[in-house]
C-alpha cells in the first residue's frame, strides 16, 4: 500500500483508485531501492538492491495493466482519457524492449528465485554438470543486467507515468481523520 497516500489518510474506494494506489505503492518502493543502490560501497551490494528494485518495477508494470483496464472502463472526460492513454502508450513503448528481461530477472533471480531451475528448466538441464553450468551462467548473465544504468530509462518512464496519473482526479477515495471516515474525491498524488 502507498506510504504517501496512507500518510494523507487516503484509502481507495473503487477499482480505479485501487489501481492508482497500487501504482503509487510499487513505484515508491522501486524508487527508494533504486536510490539506495547509489549509497552502497560495493558493486555487489548495488546489484543486490537493484534486483529488488526490479522486482518492484515488475510489480509496477503489472499494475500498469490493471490501470489500463480501469481507465478504459472509467467515466472520464475525453481529454483525460486521451491524455492517460497517451501516457500509458509512452510508458509501454519505453518498457517493451525490456519487459521480458524484467520478468525473467524477477522470476529467476529476484522475488521467486530458488536454488535450482524451475520445472521447464529442470527437464532440459537434468543433473549433468554441463547443463547445471549453463543454468548458473544464465543466472550470472541476468545478474549482470541488474545495474542502474541498464534500467534508468525504465525507471524514468515509470516515474513519468506516475506523475501524469497524479495530475488527474482518478477514482473515488475515502479520507480518514479523527472524526471518522469520510468519502472524498478527487485525489492528486503528490510527486
Protein backbone atom coordinates (compact mmCIF):
# COMPACT_ATOMS: atom_id res chain seq x y z
CA UNK A 1 0.00 0.00 0.00
CA UNK A 2 1.17 3.52 -0.74
CA UNK A 3 3.03 5.08 2.17
CA UNK A 4 2.41 8.60 0.90
CA UNK A 5 -1.33 8.12 0.43
CA UNK A 6 -1.62 6.32 3.77
CA UNK A 7 0.12 9.27 5.50
CA UNK A 8 -2.52 11.53 3.96
CA UNK A 9 -5.28 9.29 5.33
CA UNK A 10 -6.36 8.29 1.81
CA UNK A 11 -7.86 4.88 1.06
CA UNK A 12 -9.19 3.68 -2.32
CA UNK A 13 -12.96 3.35 -2.69
CA UNK A 14 -13.21 1.94 -6.23
CA UNK A 15 -11.25 -0.06 -8.81
CA UNK A 16 -9.65 2.97 -10.46
CA UNK A 17 -8.49 4.38 -7.11
CA UNK A 18 -7.16 0.93 -6.15
CA UNK A 19 -5.10 0.83 -9.35
CA UNK A 20 -3.71 4.31 -8.64
CA UNK A 21 -2.97 3.21 -5.05
CA UNK A 22 -1.03 0.14 -6.19
CA UNK A 23 0.75 2.09 -8.91
CA UNK A 24 1.96 4.65 -6.36
CA UNK A 25 2.95 1.97 -3.84
CA UNK A 26 5.01 -0.17 -6.19
CA UNK A 27 6.85 2.84 -7.55
CA UNK A 28 7.58 4.24 -4.07
CA UNK A 29 9.42 1.05 -3.19
CA UNK A 30 11.14 0.76 -6.59
CA UNK A 31 12.45 4.33 -6.48
CA UNK A 32 13.55 4.04 -2.84
CA UNK A 33 15.53 0.91 -3.66
CA UNK A 34 16.98 2.46 -6.83
CA UNK A 35 18.16 5.49 -4.84
CA UNK A 36 19.51 3.27 -2.04
CA UNK A 37 21.64 1.41 -4.59
CA UNK A 38 23.57 4.65 -5.13
CA UNK A 39 24.60 4.77 -1.47
CA UNK A 40 26.25 1.39 -1.08
CA UNK A 41 30.00 0.97 -1.36
CA UNK A 42 30.29 -2.22 -3.41
CA UNK A 43 29.00 -3.15 -6.84
CA UNK A 44 27.75 -6.46 -5.39
CA UNK A 45 25.54 -4.63 -2.89
CA UNK A 46 24.29 -2.31 -5.62
CA UNK A 47 23.35 -5.29 -7.80
CA UNK A 48 21.52 -6.92 -4.87
CA UNK A 49 19.50 -3.75 -4.27
CA UNK A 50 18.78 -3.19 -7.97
CA UNK A 51 17.48 -6.78 -8.22
CA UNK A 52 14.91 -5.93 -5.55
CA UNK A 53 14.13 -2.60 -7.23
CA UNK A 54 13.46 -4.52 -10.45
CA UNK A 55 11.08 -6.84 -8.60
CA UNK A 56 9.12 -3.72 -7.59
CA UNK A 57 9.36 -2.29 -11.11
CA UNK A 58 7.92 -5.57 -12.41
CA UNK A 59 5.05 -5.15 -9.92
CA UNK A 60 4.57 -1.59 -11.17
CA UNK A 61 4.48 -2.96 -14.71
CA UNK A 62 1.79 -5.48 -13.70
CA UNK A 63 -0.28 -2.69 -12.14
CA UNK A 64 0.01 -0.64 -15.35
CA UNK A 65 -2.03 -3.40 -16.99
CA UNK A 66 -4.67 -3.12 -14.24
CA UNK A 67 -4.68 0.68 -14.59
CA UNK A 68 -5.12 0.42 -18.36
CA UNK A 69 -8.25 -1.68 -17.87
CA UNK A 70 -9.56 0.59 -15.12
CA UNK A 71 -9.03 3.71 -17.26
CA UNK A 72 -10.78 2.04 -20.19
CA UNK A 73 -13.92 1.40 -18.12
CA UNK A 74 -13.86 4.59 -16.02
CA UNK A 75 -16.14 7.57 -16.50
CA UNK A 76 -13.54 10.13 -17.60
CA UNK A 77 -13.60 13.21 -19.80
CA UNK A 78 -12.45 12.66 -23.37
CA UNK A 79 -9.38 14.83 -22.77
CA UNK A 80 -8.43 12.95 -19.59
CA UNK A 81 -8.90 9.58 -21.24
CA UNK A 82 -6.81 10.61 -24.27
CA UNK A 83 -4.01 12.02 -22.09
CA UNK A 84 -3.92 8.91 -19.90
CA UNK A 85 -3.96 6.57 -22.89
CA UNK A 86 -1.07 8.54 -24.41
CA UNK A 87 0.89 8.35 -21.15
CA UNK A 88 0.28 4.59 -20.99
CA UNK A 89 1.39 4.19 -24.63
CA UNK A 90 4.55 6.22 -23.95
CA UNK A 91 5.38 4.09 -20.90
CA UNK A 92 4.74 0.84 -22.78
CA UNK A 93 6.86 1.97 -25.73
CA UNK A 94 9.84 2.55 -23.44
CA UNK A 95 9.42 -0.56 -21.26
CA UNK A 96 8.51 -3.02 -24.04
CA UNK A 97 12.08 -3.81 -25.19
CA UNK A 98 13.00 -4.74 -21.59
CA UNK A 99 9.71 -6.27 -20.41
CA UNK A 100 10.71 -9.91 -20.96
CA UNK A 101 14.10 -9.35 -19.29
CA UNK A 102 12.40 -7.58 -16.37
CA UNK A 103 10.07 -10.54 -15.85
CA UNK A 104 12.93 -13.01 -16.25
CA UNK A 105 15.03 -11.19 -13.63
CA UNK A 106 12.10 -11.12 -11.20
CA UNK A 107 11.22 -14.77 -11.72
CA UNK A 108 14.74 -16.19 -11.88
CA UNK A 109 16.96 -14.21 -9.51
CA UNK A 110 14.61 -11.70 -7.87
CA UNK A 111 11.42 -12.49 -6.00
CA UNK A 112 10.74 -16.10 -6.95
CA UNK A 113 14.23 -17.49 -7.02
CA UNK A 114 15.22 -20.90 -5.78
CA UNK A 115 18.50 -22.79 -5.66
CA UNK A 116 17.52 -24.76 -8.72
CA UNK A 117 15.80 -24.17 -12.03
CA UNK A 118 12.03 -24.47 -12.29
CA UNK A 119 10.29 -27.50 -13.86
CA UNK A 120 10.75 -26.43 -17.52
CA UNK A 121 14.47 -25.80 -16.98
CA UNK A 122 14.90 -28.99 -14.90
CA UNK A 123 13.58 -31.00 -17.82
CA UNK A 124 16.29 -29.50 -20.04
CA UNK A 125 19.15 -29.45 -17.54
CA UNK A 126 18.59 -32.68 -15.59
CA UNK A 127 21.63 -33.43 -13.47
CA UNK A 128 24.53 -33.23 -15.88
CA UNK A 129 27.33 -30.94 -14.82
CA UNK A 130 27.42 -29.07 -18.15
CA UNK A 131 23.70 -28.33 -18.04
CA UNK A 132 23.92 -27.01 -14.48
CA UNK A 133 26.83 -24.87 -15.60
CA UNK A 134 24.56 -23.41 -18.28
CA UNK A 135 21.94 -22.63 -15.63
CA UNK A 136 24.49 -20.91 -13.40
CA UNK A 137 25.74 -18.94 -16.40
CA UNK A 138 22.20 -17.82 -17.19
CA UNK A 139 21.75 -16.54 -13.63
CA UNK A 140 25.07 -14.69 -13.83
CA UNK A 141 24.05 -13.13 -17.15
CA UNK A 142 20.76 -11.96 -15.66
CA UNK A 143 22.55 -10.56 -12.64
CA UNK A 144 24.90 -8.65 -14.93
CA UNK A 145 21.82 -6.82 -16.26
CA UNK A 146 20.98 -5.53 -12.78
CA UNK A 147 22.64 -2.13 -12.97
CA UNK A 148 21.16 1.34 -12.57
CA UNK A 149 22.47 2.30 -16.00
CA UNK A 150 20.58 -0.53 -17.72
CA UNK A 151 17.27 0.48 -16.17
CA UNK A 152 17.37 4.27 -15.82
CA UNK A 153 15.06 4.81 -18.82
CA UNK A 154 12.54 2.30 -17.48
CA UNK A 155 12.53 3.90 -14.03
CA UNK A 156 12.18 7.36 -15.57
CA UNK A 157 9.28 6.16 -17.74
CA UNK A 158 7.55 4.73 -14.66
CA UNK A 159 8.05 7.98 -12.75
CA UNK A 160 6.73 10.00 -15.68
CA UNK A 161 3.63 7.79 -15.91
CA UNK A 162 3.02 8.13 -12.18
CA UNK A 163 3.39 11.92 -12.44
CA UNK A 164 0.87 12.12 -15.29
CA UNK A 165 -1.59 9.84 -13.50
CA UNK A 166 -1.22 12.13 -10.47
CA UNK A 167 -2.39 15.13 -12.50
CA UNK A 168 -5.88 13.67 -12.85
CA UNK A 169 -8.58 13.15 -10.26
CA UNK A 170 -8.85 9.39 -10.73
CA UNK A 171 -11.21 7.26 -8.75
CA UNK A 172 -13.12 7.68 -5.53
CA UNK A 173 -11.35 7.78 -2.20
CA UNK A 174 -12.04 7.52 1.48
CA UNK A 175 -10.39 10.10 3.66
CA UNK A 176 -9.89 9.29 7.31
CA UNK A 177 -9.44 11.74 10.14
CA UNK A 178 -10.17 11.95 13.86
CA UNK A 179 -13.89 12.44 13.17
CA UNK A 180 -14.18 9.13 11.29
CA UNK A 181 -14.26 8.06 7.67
CA UNK A 182 -15.41 10.50 5.01
CA UNK A 183 -15.97 9.88 1.32
CA UNK A 184 -13.56 12.05 -0.64
CA UNK A 185 -12.81 12.79 -4.29
CA UNK A 186 -10.75 13.80 -6.20
CA UNK A 187 -7.18 12.93 -5.33
CA UNK A 188 -3.91 14.29 -6.67
CA UNK A 189 -0.88 12.14 -5.95
CA UNK A 190 1.93 14.24 -4.56
CA UNK A 191 5.17 13.98 -6.55
